[in-house]
Amino acid sequence: MAGFKPRGIIPQKYSTTVFAFFMALLMSMLMSLVISIFNVGLVSNIISIWLRAWVFAFVVAFPVTLVVSPLVRKLVALVVID
């Protein structure tokens, strides 16, 4: 794939929101899967249990990520050396 250059479709000014979206999507996916398996085991309907949990987790995680991000940036600035 020499010369392949991906092109974005969303303007740079939305990068914080796009980052929060993907972070919330992936973290809620993985965490809801792990917690679902931990709670009920590998039962025959684990996929439907997990997908229901994932939707709920994402609905919570996305706005929380948007709200908490400024605080996290400030905390990182306090502990990282220039």
Protein backbone atom coordinates (compact mmCIF):
# COMPACT_ATOMS: atom_id res chain seq x y z
CA MET A 1 0.00 0.00 0.00
CA ALA A 2 2.75 2.40 -0.83
CA GLY A 3 1.44 5.91 -1.25
CA PHE A 4 -1.80 5.28 0.66
CA LYS A 5 -2.80 8.46 2.45
CA PRO A 6 -5.99 8.32 4.52
CA ARG A 7 -8.28 11.32 4.25
CA GLY A 8 -10.42 12.57 7.06
CA ILE A 9 -14.04 13.52 6.65
CA ILE A 10 -14.60 15.51 9.85
CA PRO A 11 -13.13 19.00 10.35
CA GLN A 12 -10.26 19.35 12.85
CA LYS A 13 -12.31 21.62 15.12
CA TYR A 14 -14.39 18.56 16.12
CA SER A 15 -11.37 16.41 17.01
CA THR A 16 -12.08 16.56 20.77
CA THR A 17 -15.62 15.29 20.28
CA VAL A 18 -14.53 12.63 17.77
CA PHE A 19 -11.82 11.46 20.16
CA ALA A 20 -14.35 11.23 23.01
CA PHE A 21 -16.75 9.31 20.77
CA PHE A 22 -14.22 6.65 19.79
CA MET A 23 -12.75 6.44 23.29
CA ALA A 24 -16.21 5.93 24.79
CA LEU A 25 -17.20 3.48 22.06
CA LEU A 26 -14.17 1.23 22.48
CA MET A 27 -13.91 1.43 26.27
CA SER A 28 -17.62 0.78 26.78
CA MET A 29 -17.43 -2.14 24.34
CA LEU A 30 -14.53 -3.83 26.10
CA MET A 31 -15.62 -3.09 29.65
CA SER A 32 -19.23 -4.18 29.10
CA LEU A 33 -18.01 -7.42 27.51
CA VAL A 34 -15.65 -8.20 30.39
CA ILE A 35 -18.22 -7.31 33.05
CA SER A 36 -20.99 -9.25 31.28
CA ILE A 37 -18.84 -12.38 31.10
CA PHE A 38 -17.75 -11.90 34.71
CA ASN A 39 -21.37 -11.56 35.89
CA VAL A 40 -23.09 -14.33 33.91
CA GLY A 41 -20.29 -16.40 32.38
CA LEU A 42 -20.13 -17.64 28.82
CA VAL A 43 -23.83 -18.49 28.58
CA SER A 44 -25.58 -19.19 25.28
CA ASN A 45 -27.08 -15.68 25.05
CA ILE A 46 -23.96 -13.75 26.13
CA ILE A 47 -23.95 -11.77 22.87
CA SER A 48 -27.43 -10.34 23.42
CA ILE A 49 -26.67 -9.66 27.10
CA TRP A 50 -23.43 -7.94 26.14
CA LEU A 51 -24.93 -5.85 23.33
CA ARG A 52 -27.68 -4.56 25.62
CA ALA A 53 -25.09 -3.72 28.26
CA TRP A 54 -22.85 -2.08 25.64
CA VAL A 55 -25.60 0.25 24.40
CA PHE A 56 -26.36 1.35 27.94
CA ALA A 57 -22.65 1.75 28.78
CA PHE A 58 -21.99 3.84 25.68
CA VAL A 59 -24.95 6.14 26.35
CA VAL A 60 -23.40 6.86 29.74
CA ALA A 61 -19.73 6.83 28.67
CA PHE A 62 -19.90 9.33 25.80
CA PRO A 63 -21.27 12.33 27.71
CA VAL A 64 -19.14 11.44 30.74
CA THR A 65 -16.04 11.41 28.53
CA LEU A 66 -16.95 14.83 27.12
CA VAL A 67 -17.49 16.30 30.60
CA VAL A 68 -14.45 14.72 32.27
CA SER A 69 -11.94 15.37 29.45
CA PRO A 70 -11.03 18.95 30.52
CA LEU A 71 -10.31 17.76 34.06
CA VAL A 72 -8.17 14.89 32.77
CA ARG A 73 -6.18 17.30 30.57
CA LYS A 74 -5.50 19.48 33.63
CA LEU A 75 -4.42 16.48 35.69
CA VAL A 76 -2.09 15.33 32.92
CA ALA A 77 -0.60 18.83 32.71
CA LEU A 78 0.12 18.67 36.46
CA VAL A 79 2.08 15.42 36.28
CA VAL A 80 3.85 15.66 32.92
CA ILE A 81 7.17 17.49 32.62
CA ASP A 82 7.77 19.78 29.63
